[in-house]
Amino acid sequence: MRKGIIKSSKLVLAAMLLFMVLQFQAIHARVRHSQPTTYIVGDEEGWDMIYDMESWTQGKPFHAGDLLVFKYDDQRFNVAVVNQEGHDSCTLNDGAKVFDSGNTNISLVFGANYFIDSAPEICAAGMKMAINATAPPPSF
């Protein structure tokens, strides 16, 4: 009788382990990193002074690797990637990158991302934004 109980216990344990392995494999097979999201900055208005760009960022779940598409009048505006000081003071810091093609694509890096128009008066009028990009979430 004791051998029967031990044998049954081993079978139950083996079945539980097999179930756990199969569950892990099923879950692991379904987990994929989500695709980056593409955002048109300013939506249909583009990167423009029509409204405050800081408010455009509100409520959007930005993640590292997401793509920002800046569409703008290249005769009037540009977009500069700056640090926090450059953003806060509307100035170009050392190492700032300025783009002026009228159609600029920039991938977000993990953490703080800062963008301004390089003309201080345009930046101060609302053509600047700060985005904190979190790690991309897994999707099922």
C-alpha atoms as a PDB file:
ATOM      1  CA  MET A   1       0.000   0.000   0.000  1.00  0.00           C
ATOM      2  CA  ARG A   2       2.800   2.351   0.887  1.00  0.00           C
ATOM      3  CA  LYS A   3       4.412   1.751  -2.546  1.00  0.00           C
ATOM      4  CA  GLY A   4       1.090   2.651  -4.191  1.00  0.00           C
ATOM      5  CA  ILE A   5       0.884   5.951  -2.300  1.00  0.00           C
ATOM      6  CA  ILE A   6       4.474   6.839  -3.177  1.00  0.00           C
ATOM      7  CA  LYS A   7       3.869   5.923  -6.829  1.00  0.00           C
ATOM      8  CA  SER A   8       0.674   8.031  -6.897  1.00  0.00           C
ATOM      9  CA  SER A   9       2.498  10.960  -5.281  1.00  0.00           C
ATOM     10  CA  LYS A  10       5.244  10.767  -7.890  1.00  0.00           C
ATOM     11  CA  LEU A  11       2.671  10.718 -10.690  1.00  0.00           C
ATOM     12  CA  VAL A  12       0.862  13.750  -9.241  1.00  0.00           C
ATOM     13  CA  LEU A  13       4.148  15.603  -8.843  1.00  0.00           C
ATOM     14  CA  ALA A  14       5.219  14.718 -12.394  1.00  0.00           C
ATOM     15  CA  ALA A  15       1.838  15.858 -13.747  1.00  0.00           C
ATOM     16  CA  MET A  16       2.078  19.142 -11.837  1.00  0.00           C
ATOM     17  CA  LEU A  17       5.600  19.794 -13.129  1.00  0.00           C
ATOM     18  CA  LEU A  18       4.549  18.997 -16.695  1.00  0.00           C
ATOM     19  CA  PHE A  19       1.565  21.334 -16.363  1.00  0.00           C
ATOM     20  CA  MET A  20       3.788  24.126 -15.042  1.00  0.00           C
ATOM     21  CA  VAL A  21       6.308  23.675 -17.869  1.00  0.00           C
ATOM     22  CA  LEU A  22       3.551  23.711 -20.488  1.00  0.00           C
ATOM     23  CA  GLN A  23       1.977  26.820 -18.948  1.00  0.00           C
ATOM     24  CA  PHE A  24       5.335  28.604 -18.879  1.00  0.00           C
ATOM     25  CA  GLN A  25       5.996  27.710 -22.518  1.00  0.00           C
ATOM     26  CA  ALA A  26       2.519  28.853 -23.581  1.00  0.00           C
ATOM     27  CA  ILE A  27       2.859  32.189 -21.813  1.00  0.00           C
ATOM     28  CA  HIS A  28       6.422  32.694 -22.979  1.00  0.00           C
ATOM     29  CA  ALA A  29       5.454  31.943 -26.585  1.00  0.00           C
ATOM     30  CA  ARG A  30       2.720  34.622 -26.483  1.00  0.00           C
ATOM     31  CA  VAL A  31       4.876  37.378 -24.982  1.00  0.00           C
ATOM     32  CA  ARG A  32       6.254  39.688 -27.639  1.00  0.00           C
ATOM     33  CA  HIS A  33       7.690  43.123 -27.228  1.00  0.00           C
ATOM     34  CA  SER A  34       5.197  45.637 -28.475  1.00  0.00           C
ATOM     35  CA  GLN A  35       5.865  47.468 -31.696  1.00  0.00           C
ATOM     36  CA  PRO A  36       6.963  51.079 -31.335  1.00  0.00           C
ATOM     37  CA  THR A  37       4.209  53.645 -31.742  1.00  0.00           C
ATOM     38  CA  THR A  38       4.539  56.428 -34.310  1.00  0.00           C
ATOM     39  CA  TYR A  39       3.271  59.837 -33.204  1.00  0.00           C
ATOM     40  CA  ILE A  40       2.719  62.790 -35.515  1.00  0.00           C
ATOM     41  CA  VAL A  41       3.762  65.660 -33.244  1.00  0.00           C
ATOM     42  CA  GLY A  42       0.881  68.135 -32.986  1.00  0.00           C
ATOM     43  CA  ASP A  43      -1.392  65.692 -34.823  1.00  0.00           C
ATOM     44  CA  GLU A  44      -2.918  67.264 -37.976  1.00  0.00           C
ATOM     45  CA  GLU A  45      -1.530  70.713 -37.086  1.00  0.00           C
ATOM     46  CA  GLY A  46       2.055  69.463 -36.902  1.00  0.00           C
ATOM     47  CA  TRP A  47       4.956  71.079 -35.048  1.00  0.00           C
ATOM     48  CA  ASP A  48       3.510  74.580 -35.053  1.00  0.00           C
ATOM     49  CA  MET A  49       2.654  77.511 -32.812  1.00  0.00           C
ATOM     50  CA  ILE A  50      -1.104  76.855 -33.109  1.00  0.00           C
ATOM     51  CA  TYR A  51      -1.141  75.404 -29.593  1.00  0.00           C
ATOM     52  CA  ASP A  52       1.212  74.656 -26.763  1.00  0.00           C
ATOM     53  CA  MET A  53       3.240  71.562 -27.617  1.00  0.00           C
ATOM     54  CA  GLU A  54       3.670  70.659 -23.932  1.00  0.00           C
ATOM     55  CA  SER A  55      -0.083  70.094 -23.736  1.00  0.00           C
ATOM     56  CA  TRP A  56       0.035  67.832 -26.822  1.00  0.00           C
ATOM     57  CA  THR A  57       2.141  65.319 -24.863  1.00  0.00           C
ATOM     58  CA  GLN A  58      -0.394  64.994 -22.009  1.00  0.00           C
ATOM     59  CA  GLY A  59      -1.993  61.565 -21.634  1.00  0.00           C
ATOM     60  CA  LYS A  60       0.153  59.827 -24.239  1.00  0.00           C
ATOM     61  CA  PRO A  61       2.008  56.682 -23.099  1.00  0.00           C
ATOM     62  CA  PHE A  62       5.451  57.325 -24.572  1.00  0.00           C
ATOM     63  CA  HIS A  63       7.962  54.471 -24.578  1.00  0.00           C
ATOM     64  CA  ALA A  64      11.601  54.168 -25.579  1.00  0.00           C
ATOM     65  CA  GLY A  65      11.770  53.384 -29.294  1.00  0.00           C
ATOM     66  CA  ASP A  66       8.548  55.224 -30.168  1.00  0.00           C
ATOM     67  CA  LEU A  67       8.928  57.425 -33.227  1.00  0.00           C
ATOM     68  CA  LEU A  68       8.086  61.121 -33.237  1.00  0.00           C
ATOM     69  CA  VAL A  69       7.363  62.593 -36.663  1.00  0.00           C
ATOM     70  CA  PHE A  70       7.813  66.357 -36.714  1.00  0.00           C
ATOM     71  CA  LYS A  71       6.084  68.000 -39.708  1.00  0.00           C
ATOM     72  CA  TYR A  72       6.670  71.735 -39.960  1.00  0.00           C
ATOM     73  CA  ASP A  73       7.225  74.684 -42.255  1.00  0.00           C
ATOM     74  CA  ASP A  74      10.981  74.561 -42.789  1.00  0.00           C
ATOM     75  CA  GLN A  75      11.040  78.271 -43.684  1.00  0.00           C
ATOM     76  CA  ARG A  76       9.639  79.249 -40.264  1.00  0.00           C
ATOM     77  CA  PHE A  77      10.518  76.480 -37.802  1.00  0.00           C
ATOM     78  CA  ASN A  78      12.989  73.761 -36.903  1.00  0.00           C
ATOM     79  CA  VAL A  79      13.252  71.136 -34.184  1.00  0.00           C
ATOM     80  CA  ALA A  80      16.196  70.781 -31.831  1.00  0.00           C
ATOM     81  CA  VAL A  81      16.972  67.922 -29.478  1.00  0.00           C
ATOM     82  CA  VAL A  82      18.327  69.506 -26.307  1.00  0.00           C
ATOM     83  CA  ASN A  83      18.939  68.692 -22.654  1.00  0.00           C
ATOM     84  CA  GLN A  84      16.716  69.866 -19.780  1.00  0.00           C
ATOM     85  CA  GLU A  85      18.573  73.147 -19.385  1.00  0.00           C
ATOM     86  CA  GLY A  86      18.140  73.900 -23.098  1.00  0.00           C
ATOM     87  CA  HIS A  87      14.439  73.084 -22.835  1.00  0.00           C
ATOM     88  CA  ASP A  88      13.878  75.169 -19.728  1.00  0.00           C
ATOM     89  CA  SER A  89      15.824  78.203 -21.010  1.00  0.00           C
ATOM     90  CA  CYS A  90      14.875  77.895 -24.724  1.00  0.00           C
ATOM     91  CA  THR A  91      18.532  77.805 -25.752  1.00  0.00           C
ATOM     92  CA  LEU A  92      20.729  75.367 -27.632  1.00  0.00           C
ATOM     93  CA  ASN A  93      23.069  73.541 -25.276  1.00  0.00           C
ATOM     94  CA  ASP A  94      26.397  71.990 -26.242  1.00  0.00           C
ATOM     95  CA  GLY A  95      25.632  68.827 -28.182  1.00  0.00           C
ATOM     96  CA  ALA A  96      22.133  69.935 -29.254  1.00  0.00           C
ATOM     97  CA  LYS A  97      21.029  68.580 -32.635  1.00  0.00           C
ATOM     98  CA  VAL A  98      19.024  70.885 -34.903  1.00  0.00           C
ATOM     99  CA  PHE A  99      16.883  69.560 -37.764  1.00  0.00           C
ATOM    100  CA  ASP A 100      15.340  71.785 -40.407  1.00  0.00           C
ATOM    101  CA  SER A 101      14.061  69.534 -43.208  1.00  0.00           C
ATOM    102  CA  GLY A 102      10.360  70.123 -42.508  1.00  0.00           C
ATOM    103  CA  ASN A 103       9.852  66.401 -41.889  1.00  0.00           C
ATOM    104  CA  THR A 104      12.014  65.024 -39.078  1.00  0.00           C
ATOM    105  CA  ASN A 105      11.735  61.567 -37.500  1.00  0.00           C
ATOM    106  CA  ILE A 106      13.214  61.064 -34.039  1.00  0.00           C
ATOM    107  CA  SER A 107      13.124  57.883 -31.953  1.00  0.00           C
ATOM    108  CA  LEU A 108      12.633  58.408 -28.243  1.00  0.00           C
ATOM    109  CA  VAL A 109      15.372  57.228 -25.918  1.00  0.00           C
ATOM    110  CA  PHE A 110      14.634  55.754 -22.504  1.00  0.00           C
ATOM    111  CA  GLY A 111      14.112  58.523 -19.966  1.00  0.00           C
ATOM    112  CA  ALA A 112      13.967  62.255 -20.551  1.00  0.00           C
ATOM    113  CA  ASN A 113      13.664  63.621 -24.109  1.00  0.00           C
ATOM    114  CA  TYR A 114      13.585  67.379 -24.756  1.00  0.00           C
ATOM    115  CA  PHE A 115      12.662  69.232 -27.956  1.00  0.00           C
ATOM    116  CA  ILE A 116      12.507  72.939 -28.797  1.00  0.00           C
ATOM    117  CA  ASP A 117      12.437  75.276 -31.772  1.00  0.00           C
ATOM    118  CA  SER A 118      15.881  76.856 -31.739  1.00  0.00           C
ATOM    119  CA  ALA A 119      14.547  80.424 -32.015  1.00  0.00           C
ATOM    120  CA  PRO A 120      14.185  81.524 -28.370  1.00  0.00           C
ATOM    121  CA  GLU A 121      11.035  83.611 -28.980  1.00  0.00           C
ATOM    122  CA  ILE A 122       9.301  80.754 -30.818  1.00  0.00           C
ATOM    123  CA  CYS A 123      10.315  78.258 -28.142  1.00  0.00           C
ATOM    124  CA  ALA A 124       9.073  80.590 -25.392  1.00  0.00           C
ATOM    125  CA  ALA A 125       5.740  80.896 -27.231  1.00  0.00           C
ATOM    126  CA  GLY A 126       5.164  77.157 -26.751  1.00  0.00           C
ATOM    127  CA  MET A 127       7.222  75.320 -29.357  1.00  0.00           C
ATOM    128  CA  LYS A 128       8.927  73.033 -26.867  1.00  0.00           C
ATOM    129  CA  MET A 129       8.126  69.765 -25.161  1.00  0.00           C
ATOM    130  CA  ALA A 130       9.521  67.334 -22.655  1.00  0.00           C
ATOM    131  CA  ILE A 131       8.736  63.630 -22.864  1.00  0.00           C
ATOM    132  CA  ASN A 132       9.647  60.921 -20.364  1.00  0.00           C
ATOM    133  CA  ALA A 133       9.845  57.653 -22.291  1.00  0.00           C
ATOM    134  CA  THR A 134       9.393  54.518 -20.202  1.00  0.00           C
ATOM    135  CA  ALA A 135      10.535  51.016 -21.091  1.00  0.00           C
ATOM    136  CA  PRO A 136       8.396  49.355 -23.770  1.00  0.00           C
ATOM    137  CA  PRO A 137       5.750  47.093 -22.263  1.00  0.00           C
ATOM    138  CA  PRO A 138       5.438  43.452 -23.315  1.00  0.00           C
ATOM    139  CA  SER A 139       2.284  42.602 -25.200  1.00  0.00           C
ATOM    140  CA  PHE A 140       0.339  39.376 -25.202  1.00  0.00           C
END
